[in-house]
């Protein structure tokens, strides 16, 4: 009989692991709901600032239309699998707001995104910040999964609730 670990990581250790995951990756799957309540999941590249994930988009995209109608989101950030026991990722549950040029917080968030945009993207809509909007994901709860935690007696799924 295999005993499943149930220990909970200390908050500071869990925080460090989540922030490391966010900083070491740059893609997530963003889930929104369309006006009829149907799910809409799309991969987006994100830029992180602590627990906040920021992504760029055209203001007319389905995900942005959905967020304007209903700001509730879920997002999945995950590392590539290297084997059956290497699962590592996070599910975020919270809200997202859409920031357009001229909004009070747009410049603050654009300053995080802008230096990290590569040259190829600068020729597209990101060359002109007035054509793009930013999605800012603010999680209320993060479920972190790391199967390597079992080696040290911790449950592979840990929950971080944010204020």
Protein backbone atom coordinates (compact mmCIF):
# COMPACT_ATOMS: atom_id res chain seq x y z
CA UNK A 1 0.00 0.00 0.00
CA UNK A 2 1.38 3.40 -1.00
CA UNK A 3 0.93 6.23 1.47
CA UNK A 4 0.09 9.51 -0.21
CA UNK A 5 1.90 12.51 1.29
CA UNK A 6 -0.36 15.19 2.71
CA UNK A 7 2.06 17.71 4.23
CA UNK A 8 1.58 21.34 3.25
CA UNK A 9 4.51 23.51 2.21
CA UNK A 10 5.21 26.56 4.33
CA UNK A 11 3.74 29.68 2.69
CA UNK A 12 7.12 31.28 1.94
CA UNK A 13 8.40 28.09 0.25
CA UNK A 14 5.21 27.74 -1.78
CA UNK A 15 5.39 31.41 -2.77
CA UNK A 16 8.98 30.97 -3.92
CA UNK A 17 8.07 27.92 -6.04
CA UNK A 18 5.12 29.66 -7.70
CA UNK A 19 7.11 32.81 -8.46
CA UNK A 20 9.97 30.71 -9.84
CA UNK A 21 7.53 28.86 -12.11
CA UNK A 22 6.06 32.13 -13.40
CA UNK A 23 9.50 33.66 -13.98
CA UNK A 24 10.93 30.61 -15.75
CA UNK A 25 8.08 30.17 -18.24
CA UNK A 26 6.18 32.54 -20.51
CA UNK A 27 3.12 30.71 -21.87
CA UNK A 28 -0.20 29.89 -20.28
CA UNK A 29 -3.62 28.76 -21.40
CA UNK A 30 -6.18 31.44 -20.58
CA UNK A 31 -9.78 30.34 -20.06
CA UNK A 32 -12.64 32.83 -20.38
CA UNK A 33 -16.37 32.47 -21.04
CA UNK A 34 -18.16 33.85 -24.06
CA UNK A 35 -21.46 35.74 -23.67
CA UNK A 36 -23.40 32.44 -23.95
CA UNK A 37 -21.31 30.91 -21.15
CA UNK A 38 -19.31 28.64 -23.44
CA UNK A 39 -15.66 28.17 -22.46
CA UNK A 40 -12.95 29.76 -24.56
CA UNK A 41 -9.36 28.64 -23.92
CA UNK A 42 -6.43 30.15 -25.76
CA UNK A 43 -2.66 30.05 -25.34
CA UNK A 44 -1.11 33.41 -24.56
CA UNK A 45 2.40 34.56 -23.83
CA UNK A 46 2.60 36.33 -20.50
CA UNK A 47 4.95 38.59 -18.62
CA UNK A 48 4.95 38.22 -14.85
CA UNK A 49 5.26 40.66 -11.99
CA UNK A 50 5.04 38.68 -8.79
CA UNK A 51 1.67 36.87 -8.95
CA UNK A 52 0.27 39.08 -11.70
CA UNK A 53 0.38 37.83 -15.30
CA UNK A 54 0.20 40.38 -18.11
CA UNK A 55 -0.47 39.57 -21.76
CA UNK A 56 -0.83 41.60 -24.96
CA UNK A 57 -3.69 41.37 -27.42
CA UNK A 58 -5.60 43.16 -30.11
CA UNK A 59 -8.57 44.86 -28.50
CA UNK A 60 -10.99 43.07 -30.82
CA UNK A 61 -9.91 39.50 -30.00
CA UNK A 62 -12.46 37.01 -28.61
CA UNK A 63 -10.59 36.70 -25.30
CA UNK A 64 -10.69 40.47 -24.78
CA UNK A 65 -14.38 40.68 -25.73
CA UNK A 66 -15.04 37.89 -23.22
CA UNK A 67 -13.04 39.62 -20.46
CA UNK A 68 -14.86 42.88 -20.99
CA UNK A 69 -18.16 41.05 -20.50
CA UNK A 70 -17.02 38.78 -17.64
CA UNK A 71 -13.65 39.34 -15.92
CA UNK A 72 -13.54 35.90 -14.24
CA UNK A 73 -10.67 33.78 -15.56
CA UNK A 74 -8.69 30.66 -15.04
CA UNK A 75 -5.21 30.19 -16.44
CA UNK A 76 -2.86 27.24 -16.56
CA UNK A 77 0.92 27.66 -16.49
CA UNK A 78 2.85 24.44 -16.96
CA UNK A 79 6.36 23.15 -17.52
CA UNK A 80 7.05 20.53 -20.21
CA UNK A 81 6.83 16.95 -18.97
CA UNK A 82 10.10 15.05 -18.70
CA UNK A 83 8.44 11.88 -17.40
CA UNK A 84 5.31 10.69 -15.59
CA UNK A 85 6.45 12.06 -12.23
CA UNK A 86 7.64 15.44 -13.51
CA UNK A 87 4.33 17.30 -13.61
CA UNK A 88 4.83 20.92 -12.54
CA UNK A 89 2.47 23.80 -13.08
CA UNK A 90 -0.10 26.14 -11.62
CA UNK A 91 -3.79 26.84 -12.07
CA UNK A 92 -4.80 30.43 -11.41
CA UNK A 93 -8.32 31.44 -10.48
CA UNK A 94 -9.27 35.09 -10.31
CA UNK A 95 -10.11 38.05 -12.48
CA UNK A 96 -8.52 39.91 -15.35
CA UNK A 97 -8.87 43.50 -16.37
CA UNK A 98 -8.29 44.99 -19.78
CA UNK A 99 -6.06 48.06 -20.00
CA UNK A 100 -6.06 50.23 -23.10
CA UNK A 101 -3.67 53.08 -23.90
CA UNK A 102 -4.77 56.09 -21.87
CA UNK A 103 -6.02 54.00 -18.94
CA UNK A 104 -4.42 54.97 -15.64
CA UNK A 105 -2.41 51.74 -15.18
CA UNK A 106 -1.59 51.05 -18.85
CA UNK A 107 1.83 52.76 -18.86
CA UNK A 108 2.89 51.03 -15.63
CA UNK A 109 2.10 47.60 -17.10
CA UNK A 110 3.39 48.47 -20.59
CA UNK A 111 6.76 49.25 -18.96
CA UNK A 112 6.91 45.59 -17.81
CA UNK A 113 5.97 44.21 -21.24
CA UNK A 114 7.75 46.56 -23.65
CA UNK A 115 11.42 45.75 -22.88
CA UNK A 116 10.72 42.03 -23.28
CA UNK A 117 9.11 42.14 -26.72
CA UNK A 118 11.43 40.69 -29.34
CA UNK A 119 12.34 42.37 -32.63
CA UNK A 120 9.99 40.28 -34.81
CA UNK A 121 7.00 41.40 -32.73
CA UNK A 122 7.92 45.05 -32.99
CA UNK A 123 6.93 44.99 -36.67
CA UNK A 124 3.36 43.87 -35.86
CA UNK A 125 0.64 45.47 -33.78
CA UNK A 126 2.99 45.73 -30.79
CA UNK A 127 5.04 48.31 -32.69
CA UNK A 128 2.24 50.74 -31.92
CA UNK A 129 0.97 50.46 -28.34
CA UNK A 130 -2.17 52.34 -29.35
CA UNK A 131 -3.30 49.25 -31.32
CA UNK A 132 -2.97 46.81 -28.47
CA UNK A 133 -4.48 46.27 -25.07
CA UNK A 134 -3.08 44.52 -22.05
CA UNK A 135 -4.80 41.79 -20.09
CA UNK A 136 -3.82 41.79 -16.42
CA UNK A 137 -4.60 38.57 -14.55
CA UNK A 138 -4.93 38.94 -10.78
CA UNK A 139 -5.29 35.54 -9.15
CA UNK A 140 -7.17 35.10 -5.89
CA UNK A 141 -6.13 31.46 -5.62
CA UNK A 142 -3.29 29.45 -7.16
CA UNK A 143 -3.18 25.67 -7.14
CA UNK A 144 0.44 24.63 -7.59
CA UNK A 145 1.28 21.08 -8.68
CA UNK A 146 4.73 19.55 -8.42
CA UNK A 147 5.01 15.78 -8.23
CA UNK A 148 8.62 16.03 -7.07
CA UNK A 149 7.30 17.35 -3.73
CA UNK A 150 6.25 13.78 -2.87
CA UNK A 151 9.92 12.81 -2.47
CA UNK A 152 10.08 15.08 0.59
CA UNK A 153 6.74 13.99 2.02
CA UNK A 154 4.67 16.92 0.73
CA UNK A 155 1.40 16.66 -1.14
CA UNK A 156 2.00 17.21 -4.86
CA UNK A 157 -0.86 19.74 -5.01
CA UNK A 158 -0.61 22.87 -2.87
CA UNK A 159 -2.99 25.84 -2.67
CA UNK A 160 -1.96 29.45 -2.25
CA UNK A 161 -4.71 31.92 -1.39
CA UNK A 162 -3.86 35.55 -2.07
CA UNK A 163 -5.23 38.60 -0.25
